Protein backbone atom coordinates (compact mmCIF):
# COMPACT_ATOMS: atom_id res chain seq x y z
CA MET A 1 170.67 142.58 -80.91
CA PRO A 2 166.89 142.89 -80.37
CA ARG A 3 165.09 139.95 -78.83
CA HIS A 4 163.05 138.00 -81.38
CA LEU A 5 159.96 136.04 -80.50
CA LEU A 6 160.69 133.42 -83.15
CA ALA A 7 164.24 132.35 -83.95
CA VAL A 8 165.30 130.92 -87.29
CA GLU A 9 167.84 128.13 -86.95
CA TYR A 10 170.61 129.81 -88.92
CA THR A 11 172.42 126.52 -89.61
CA LYS A 12 169.42 125.41 -91.64
CA ILE A 13 169.55 128.39 -93.99
CA ARG A 14 172.81 127.34 -95.60
CA ALA A 15 171.81 123.67 -95.69
CA LEU A 16 168.50 124.46 -97.38
CA ARG A 17 170.18 126.90 -99.78
CA GLU A 18 172.71 124.29 -100.87
CA GLN A 19 169.95 121.71 -101.13
CA ALA A 20 168.09 124.10 -103.46
CA GLY A 21 171.26 124.59 -105.53
CA LEU A 22 171.46 128.36 -104.92
CA THR A 23 174.44 130.61 -104.31
CA PRO A 24 174.21 133.25 -101.58
CA GLN A 25 173.79 135.94 -104.24
CA GLU A 26 171.00 134.04 -105.99
CA LEU A 27 169.19 133.59 -102.67
CA ALA A 28 169.68 137.30 -101.89
CA ASP A 29 168.18 138.24 -105.27
CA ARG A 30 165.14 136.01 -104.70
CA VAL A 31 164.49 137.34 -101.19
CA GLY A 32 165.21 140.96 -102.10
CA VAL A 33 168.12 141.60 -99.73
CA THR A 34 171.86 142.09 -100.17
CA TYR A 35 174.48 139.38 -100.41
CA ARG A 36 175.92 140.47 -97.05
CA VAL A 37 172.55 140.04 -95.29
CA VAL A 38 172.33 136.42 -96.47
CA VAL A 39 175.87 135.77 -95.23
CA TYR A 40 174.99 137.28 -91.84
CA TRP A 41 171.86 135.11 -91.67
CA GLU A 42 173.88 131.98 -92.34
CA GLU A 43 176.42 132.97 -89.70
CA GLY A 44 173.72 133.70 -87.13
CA ARG A 45 174.74 137.35 -86.82
CA TYR A 46 171.35 138.61 -88.07
CA VAL A 47 167.93 137.05 -87.52
CA PRO A 48 165.40 137.35 -90.37
CA GLY A 49 162.31 139.35 -89.48
CA ALA A 50 158.76 138.15 -90.06
CA ARG A 51 158.54 139.52 -93.61
CA ASN A 52 161.87 137.97 -94.65
CA VAL A 53 161.17 134.60 -93.01
CA ARG A 54 158.26 134.08 -95.39
CA ARG A 55 160.25 135.32 -98.39
CA LEU A 56 163.19 133.14 -97.40
CA ALA A 57 160.98 130.06 -97.15
CA ASP A 58 159.42 130.79 -100.55
CA ALA A 59 162.85 131.29 -102.12
CA LEU A 60 164.13 128.01 -100.68
CA GLY A 61 160.95 126.12 -101.56
CA CYS A 62 160.25 125.10 -97.98
CA ALA A 63 157.82 125.89 -95.17
CA THR A 64 158.63 128.46 -92.50
CA ALA A 65 158.58 125.57 -90.00
CA ASP A 66 161.60 124.09 -91.82
CA LEU A 67 163.53 127.26 -90.93
CA THR A 68 162.30 127.64 -87.36
CA GLY A 69 162.24 123.96 -86.41
CA THR A 70 158.65 124.23 -85.22
CA PRO A 71 157.07 120.72 -85.38
CA SER A 72 153.73 120.47 -87.11
CA GLY A 73 150.96 120.85 -84.56
CA THR A 74 152.88 123.04 -82.10
CA GLU A 75 152.41 126.45 -83.75
CA THR A 76 151.89 129.50 -81.54
CA LEU A 77 150.43 132.85 -82.54
CA VAL A 78 153.81 134.23 -83.55
CA ASP A 79 154.43 131.16 -85.73
CA LEU A 80 151.26 131.93 -87.66
CA ARG A 81 152.25 135.56 -88.12
CA TYR A 82 155.75 134.72 -89.32
CA ALA A 83 154.37 132.07 -91.68
CA SER A 84 152.12 134.73 -93.21
CA GLY A 85 155.10 137.06 -93.69
CA LEU A 86 153.51 139.94 -91.77
CA THR A 87 154.96 142.29 -89.20
CA ALA A 88 153.01 143.16 -86.06
CA GLU A 89 152.40 146.61 -87.55
CA GLN A 90 150.92 145.14 -90.72
CA VAL A 91 148.64 142.81 -88.76
CA ALA A 92 147.43 145.69 -86.59
CA THR A 93 146.74 147.82 -89.67
CA ARG A 94 144.62 145.09 -91.25
CA LEU A 95 142.73 144.41 -88.04
CA ARG A 96 141.91 148.09 -87.51
CA ALA A 97 139.98 147.94 -90.77
CA THR A 98 137.54 145.53 -89.07
CA GLY A 99 134.89 146.17 -86.46
CA ILE A 100 136.50 143.97 -83.81
CA GLY A 101 139.90 145.56 -84.45
CA ARG A 102 138.43 148.97 -83.71
CA ASP A 103 136.52 147.68 -80.68
CA LEU A 104 139.77 146.31 -79.23
CA PHE A 105 141.85 149.34 -80.26
CA VAL A 106 144.39 146.96 -81.79
CA ASP A 107 147.93 148.20 -82.33
CA ALA A 108 151.33 146.56 -82.87
CA HIS A 109 152.16 146.67 -79.15
CA LYS A 110 148.99 144.73 -78.31
CA ILE A 111 149.73 142.16 -81.00
CA ARG A 112 153.19 141.58 -79.54
CA SER A 113 151.80 141.41 -76.00
CA LEU A 114 149.28 138.84 -77.18
CA GLU A 115 152.08 136.74 -78.71
CA ARG A 116 154.27 137.03 -75.58
CA ASN A 117 151.46 135.91 -73.25
CA ARG A 118 151.42 139.28 -71.57
CA ARG A 119 148.40 141.17 -70.32
CA VAL A 120 146.70 143.18 -73.03
CA SER A 121 145.11 146.38 -71.77
CA GLY A 122 141.49 147.10 -72.57
CA TRP A 123 138.19 145.99 -71.05
CA ASN A 124 136.99 144.24 -74.21
CA TRP A 125 140.08 142.00 -74.25
CA ARG A 126 138.63 140.26 -71.18
CA LYS A 127 135.43 139.34 -73.02
CA THR A 128 135.63 135.92 -74.66
CA GLU A 129 133.06 136.87 -77.28
CA CYS A 130 135.38 139.71 -78.37
CA THR A 131 138.48 137.54 -78.48
CA GLY A 132 136.43 134.96 -80.40
CA ARG A 133 135.69 137.54 -83.08
CA LEU A 134 139.38 138.47 -83.09
CA VAL A 135 140.32 134.82 -83.68
CA GLN A 136 138.11 134.80 -86.77
CA GLN A 137 139.74 137.95 -88.13
CA LEU A 138 143.24 136.67 -87.43
CA ALA A 139 142.39 133.52 -89.39
CA SER A 140 141.40 135.73 -92.31
CA VAL A 141 144.56 137.87 -92.04
CA TYR A 142 146.86 134.83 -91.78
CA GLU A 143 144.86 132.87 -94.39
CA VAL A 144 144.57 129.77 -92.22
CA PRO A 145 141.61 127.86 -90.75
CA VAL A 146 139.99 129.25 -87.61
CA ARG A 147 140.91 126.11 -85.69
CA MET A 148 144.63 126.83 -86.27
CA VAL A 149 144.34 130.27 -84.69
CA MET A 150 142.28 128.87 -81.81
CA ASP A 151 144.86 126.16 -81.12
CA ALA A 152 147.75 128.63 -81.41
CA TRP A 153 145.95 131.00 -79.03
CA MET A 154 145.49 128.30 -76.41
CA ARG A 155 149.14 127.21 -76.71
CA THR A 156 150.34 130.80 -76.42
CA ARG A 157 147.99 131.80 -73.60
CA PRO A 158 147.13 128.60 -71.68
CA ALA A 159 145.87 130.48 -68.61
CA ASP A 160 143.31 132.48 -70.60
CA GLU A 161 139.69 131.43 -70.89
CA PRO A 162 139.37 130.14 -74.47
CA PRO A 163 137.88 132.66 -76.93
CA ARG A 164 134.23 132.02 -77.75
CA LEU A 165 133.62 131.91 -81.46
CA PRO A 166 130.40 133.42 -82.82
CA GLU A 167 127.73 130.83 -83.49
CA ARG A 168 127.23 129.87 -87.09
CA GLU A 169 124.10 131.12 -88.75
CA ARG A 170 121.47 128.53 -89.59
CA HIS A 171 120.70 128.47 -93.27
CA GLY A 172 117.98 126.84 -95.30
CA PRO A 173 118.50 123.40 -96.84
CA PRO A 174 121.21 123.16 -99.49
CA ALA A 175 120.08 123.19 -103.12
CA SER A 176 121.41 119.66 -103.64
CA ALA A 177 119.16 118.35 -100.84
CA VAL A 178 116.11 120.11 -102.26
CA GLU A 179 116.90 118.76 -105.71
CA GLY A 180 117.36 115.25 -104.30
CA TRP A 181 113.97 115.38 -102.57
CA GLU A 182 112.19 116.71 -105.63
CA GLY A 183 113.70 113.89 -107.70
CA LEU A 184 111.81 111.30 -105.63
CA ASN A 185 108.32 110.11 -106.43
CA ASP A 186 105.53 110.50 -103.88
CA ARG A 187 105.97 106.99 -102.51
CA GLN A 188 109.72 107.37 -102.04
CA GLN A 189 109.22 110.70 -100.29
CA VAL A 190 106.82 109.13 -97.79
CA TYR A 191 109.23 106.27 -97.10
CA LEU A 192 112.20 108.57 -96.56
CA GLY A 193 110.20 110.95 -94.36
CA GLU A 194 108.91 108.12 -92.15
CA ILE A 195 112.39 106.62 -91.81
CA LEU A 196 113.67 110.00 -90.61
CA ARG A 197 110.81 110.29 -88.09
CA ASP A 198 111.43 106.78 -86.78
CA ASP A 199 115.14 107.54 -86.47
CA ARG A 200 114.30 110.61 -84.38
CA MET A 201 111.93 108.66 -82.18
CA THR A 202 114.59 106.03 -81.58
CA GLU A 203 117.11 108.75 -80.75
CA ALA A 204 114.69 110.18 -78.17
CA GLU A 205 114.24 106.72 -76.68
CA MET A 206 118.01 106.32 -76.34
CA TRP A 207 118.17 109.70 -74.62
CA MET A 208 115.52 108.61 -72.13
CA ARG A 209 117.43 105.41 -71.43
CA ARG A 210 120.57 107.38 -70.67
CA GLN A 211 118.64 109.66 -68.32
CA ASN A 212 117.42 106.58 -66.45
CA GLU A 213 120.96 105.13 -66.38
CA VAL A 214 119.99 102.23 -68.63
CA THR A 215 122.68 100.80 -70.91
CA VAL A 216 122.53 102.26 -74.41
CA PRO A 217 124.07 100.45 -77.40
CA PRO A 218 126.37 102.36 -79.77
CA ALA A 219 124.66 104.62 -82.31
CA ARG A 220 125.98 102.46 -85.16
CA GLN A 221 123.68 99.74 -83.82
CA TRP A 222 120.48 101.52 -82.80
CA ARG A 223 120.38 103.69 -85.92
CA LYS A 224 119.72 100.50 -87.90
CA LEU A 225 115.93 100.53 -87.68
CA PRO A 226 113.90 97.31 -87.91
CA PHE A 227 111.87 97.44 -91.10
CA ALA A 228 110.45 93.95 -91.65
CA LEU A 229 110.60 90.40 -90.31
CA ASP A 230 110.68 87.54 -92.79
CA ALA A 231 107.69 85.78 -91.25
CA PRO A 232 103.88 85.96 -91.60
CA ALA A 233 102.53 89.26 -90.25
CA GLU A 234 99.73 87.48 -88.43
CA VAL A 235 102.45 85.71 -86.39
CA VAL A 236 105.10 88.40 -85.84
CA GLY A 237 103.02 91.53 -86.41
CA HIS A 238 104.33 94.72 -88.01
CA THR A 239 107.35 96.80 -87.09
CA ARG A 240 106.87 100.42 -86.08
CA LEU A 241 108.07 101.56 -89.50
CA GLN A 242 105.60 99.27 -91.24
CA GLN A 243 102.80 100.65 -89.11
CA ARG A 244 103.82 104.21 -90.06
CA LEU A 245 103.76 103.32 -93.73
CA ARG A 246 100.44 101.50 -93.38
CA SER A 247 98.95 104.65 -91.85
CA ALA A 248 100.25 106.60 -94.85
CA GLY A 249 98.69 104.06 -97.23
CA VAL A 250 101.92 103.02 -98.91
CA HIS A 251 102.76 99.73 -97.21
CA ASP A 252 102.38 96.89 -99.71
CA ARG A 253 104.41 94.33 -101.62
CA GLY A 254 106.36 97.09 -103.36
CA ALA A 255 108.32 97.91 -100.21
CA GLY A 256 111.41 96.03 -101.37
CA ALA A 257 111.62 97.93 -104.64
CA THR A 258 111.20 101.27 -102.87
CA LEU A 259 113.94 100.49 -100.37
CA HIS A 260 116.21 99.37 -103.21
CA SER A 261 115.68 102.63 -105.11
CA LEU A 262 116.39 104.75 -101.99
CA GLU A 263 119.53 102.74 -101.32
CA ARG A 264 120.67 103.14 -104.92
CA LEU A 265 120.34 106.91 -104.47
CA LYS A 266 122.48 106.59 -101.29
CA LEU A 267 119.69 107.96 -99.12
CA ILE A 268 119.48 104.87 -96.91
CA LYS A 269 121.46 101.72 -96.18
CA VAL A 270 119.71 98.35 -96.09
CA THR A 271 121.15 95.43 -94.11
CA ARG A 272 119.86 92.08 -92.87
CA ASP A 273 120.36 90.06 -89.72
CA ARG A 274 118.62 87.26 -87.81
CA VAL A 275 116.66 87.61 -84.58
CA GLU A 276 114.92 85.22 -82.20
CA VAL A 277 111.11 85.55 -82.20
CA PRO A 278 109.29 83.83 -79.29
CA GLY A 279 107.21 80.93 -80.53
CA VAL A 280 108.70 81.13 -84.02
CA GLY A 281 112.46 80.78 -83.68
CA GLU A 282 115.11 82.62 -85.66
CA VAL A 283 113.88 84.71 -88.59
CA ASP A 284 115.56 87.05 -91.05
CA ARG A 285 115.10 90.76 -90.42
CA THR A 286 115.52 93.75 -92.74
CA LEU A 287 117.07 96.90 -91.24
CA VAL A 288 117.25 100.41 -92.70
CA GLU A 289 119.53 103.27 -91.73
CA ILE A 290 119.17 106.80 -93.08
CA THR A 291 122.39 108.31 -94.45
CA ARG A 292 123.62 111.86 -93.97
CA ARG A 293 122.53 112.62 -97.52
CA GLY A 294 119.13 111.05 -96.90
CA ARG A 295 118.71 113.03 -93.71
CA ALA A 296 119.45 116.27 -95.57
CA CYS A 297 116.96 115.41 -98.33
CA ALA A 298 114.23 114.49 -95.86
CA ARG A 299 114.78 117.66 -93.84
CA ALA A 300 114.59 119.71 -97.04
CA GLY A 301 111.35 117.99 -98.02
CA LEU A 302 109.85 118.58 -94.60
CA GLY A 303 110.81 122.27 -94.75
CA GLU A 304 113.29 122.10 -91.89
CA PRO A 305 116.52 124.13 -91.68
CA ALA A 306 119.79 122.34 -92.28
CA GLU A 307 121.45 120.73 -89.30
CA PRO A 308 124.16 123.07 -87.97
CA ALA A 309 127.72 121.98 -88.69
CA PRO A 310 130.05 121.40 -85.72
CA PRO A 311 131.90 124.56 -84.67
CA ALA A 312 135.04 125.11 -86.73
CA HIS A 313 137.42 124.51 -83.80
CA LEU A 314 135.88 121.23 -82.62
CA LEU A 315 136.62 117.65 -83.67
CA SER A 316 134.51 115.22 -85.62
CA GLU A 317 133.07 112.31 -83.63
CA TRP A 318 135.74 109.80 -84.70
CA LEU A 319 138.61 112.20 -83.92
CA TRP A 320 137.05 113.04 -80.55
CA GLY A 321 136.87 109.32 -79.81
CA ALA A 322 140.55 108.87 -80.72
CA LEU A 323 141.57 111.74 -78.44
CA LEU A 324 139.56 110.25 -75.58
CA ARG A 325 141.27 106.88 -76.06
CA VAL A 326 144.66 108.48 -75.55
CA ALA A 327 143.49 110.58 -72.61
CA ALA A 328 141.92 107.51 -70.96
CA ALA A 329 145.32 105.79 -70.97
CA GLY A 330 146.52 108.31 -68.39
CA PRO A 331 150.19 108.70 -67.44
CA GLU A 332 151.07 105.30 -68.89
CA GLY A 333 150.01 106.37 -72.35
CA LEU A 334 148.74 104.24 -75.21
CA HIS A 335 151.13 101.94 -77.03
CA GLU A 336 152.00 103.32 -80.46
CA SER A 337 150.52 100.28 -82.23
CA GLU A 338 147.10 100.86 -80.63
CA LEU A 339 146.44 104.10 -82.50
CA THR A 340 146.93 104.04 -86.23
CA GLY A 341 145.21 105.32 -89.35
CA LYS A 342 144.16 108.76 -90.50
CA SER A 343 143.44 110.11 -87.03
CA LEU A 344 147.17 110.58 -86.46
CA PHE A 345 147.42 113.00 -89.36
CA TYR A 346 144.77 115.22 -87.80
CA LEU A 347 145.71 114.91 -84.13
CA ALA A 348 149.40 114.08 -83.67
CA VAL A 349 152.36 116.44 -83.35
CA GLY A 350 154.58 116.25 -86.40
CA TYR A 351 151.82 115.11 -88.76
CA ARG A 352 149.74 116.83 -91.41
CA PRO A 353 146.94 115.27 -93.55
CA LYS A 354 148.74 116.06 -96.84
CA ARG A 355 152.11 117.48 -97.76
CA GLN A 356 150.88 120.98 -98.57
CA SER A 357 147.92 121.02 -96.20
CA HIS A 358 147.58 122.68 -92.81
CA PRO A 359 149.21 120.87 -89.86
CA SER A 360 147.55 118.59 -87.37
CA ARG A 361 145.90 119.85 -84.19
CA GLY A 362 148.80 118.69 -82.03
CA PHE A 363 146.53 117.16 -79.38
CA ILE A 364 148.58 113.95 -78.96
CA GLU A 365 152.27 113.07 -79.23
CA LEU A 366 154.58 110.06 -79.09
CA ARG A 367 156.86 109.93 -76.07
CA PRO A 368 159.63 107.39 -75.48
CA ARG A 369 159.50 104.99 -72.56
CA MET A 370 163.06 104.48 -71.38
CA ALA A 371 164.71 101.42 -69.89
CA PRO A 372 166.02 101.58 -66.31
CA GLY A 373 169.02 103.89 -66.24
CA ASP A 374 167.87 105.55 -69.45
CA THR A 375 170.14 103.24 -71.43
CA HIS A 376 167.77 102.84 -74.37
CA VAL A 377 164.18 103.30 -75.53
CA LEU A 378 161.90 100.40 -74.67
CA GLU A 379 158.90 101.62 -76.67
CA TYR A 380 156.97 104.69 -77.73
CA ARG A 381 153.54 105.57 -76.33
CA TRP A 382 150.86 108.10 -77.22
CA HIS A 383 150.08 110.83 -74.68
CA ALA A 384 147.74 113.81 -74.74
CA THR A 385 149.64 117.08 -75.07
CA ALA A 386 148.97 120.03 -72.79
CA LEU A 387 146.78 121.49 -75.54
CA GLY A 388 144.92 118.21 -75.93
CA GLN A 389 144.14 118.17 -72.22
CA GLN A 390 143.10 121.84 -72.37
CA HIS A 391 140.81 121.08 -75.29
CA ILE A 392 139.08 118.24 -73.45
CA ALA A 393 138.59 120.31 -70.31
CA ALA A 394 137.34 123.39 -72.17
CA TYR A 395 134.86 121.70 -74.51
CA LEU A 396 133.81 118.50 -72.74
CA HIS A 397 130.30 119.82 -72.10
CA VAL A 398 129.90 120.76 -75.76
CA TYR A 399 131.05 117.35 -77.01
CA ALA A 400 128.72 115.63 -74.52
CA GLU A 401 125.77 117.26 -76.30
CA MET A 402 127.16 116.76 -79.80
CA TYR A 403 128.21 113.12 -79.39
CA PRO A 404 126.25 111.66 -76.48
CA ASP A 405 127.26 108.12 -77.43
CA ALA A 406 130.99 108.82 -77.19
CA ALA A 407 132.89 107.38 -74.25
CA SER A 408 133.43 109.61 -71.25
CA PRO A 409 136.94 110.96 -70.59
CA PRO A 410 138.85 109.88 -67.47
CA GLN A 411 137.96 111.69 -64.27
């Protein structure tokens, strides 16, 4: 019998067939094979090929992972191919229709070598920019997100330097941002533009503090910009934002109404707190924070290109923070109760955000902590998987630039 890269657990075929209420002949008719082939599958005498694994899963109304026993978030390159129902020959044929497929002289043998973590011959296969383009094309062929192919690649070939994806092109501001800006009156436009400028100046100040090793508060704090103090101006003076607006000739008693209108349009958030003013005591203070939507509108109005989105294979700031929390726990791990919420569905092995959605990244997993003598499980703790650790090591420098306020990973 030929060696298969991905084995279907034959005992599951019969169980899933009976669960679906199908006879062997009915299953054979749905898959497009003979009755005898189905019997051989259920006995473990034959192993379904890539094309039939996908057809079998569709006929049984399950995912290919239900047949192979592959936990969500542990997929390798061959898992993705089998889930797409394609043979290595079919994948190679589709890739050769692309520029990168021709540059790499892709054939079925190279696809199988790639999946078996064997050396693939060809000078261009050593170039990460070439393998990055290949990852993009494989995502298109398998009809999955780029990040799934990137993760599967790194699981399959952990010793390889990670492929380098092409940088995303910078486009002009989205039409919705332009429309939002044009819907503002002149006064509102000035306010929103000055809030964006003050936000940038504050960001630069925080950067300078970090360079001088001065403590920097979290971004959720310093992005709330002081707008006004509830005290006579001749006593407390004007905030930097008020001075900007005064220079633009729009600072007057109508400030409150303007802020309210910008907040109603979800372009800014307005909050209040109390601060101690020397010689005056505690006074109320109004703070403003520009939203993502407000930032996009202001950038459109100022004629600036849209801010580039994070690369497709990288995490959002809150998911990156969750991964770092687990990694920081080290060999002891993080108690299962200390990491809850939606982050698990995007990071943890065995999870997926929604029933029919793509699986999690598989960067963390629950491991049991056993009692002395391995008599029973004391508790479960979160640990970073090998891929999670690879991801941190490979992209730490990128995340440091993207999210400078995030905690540092353990050394």
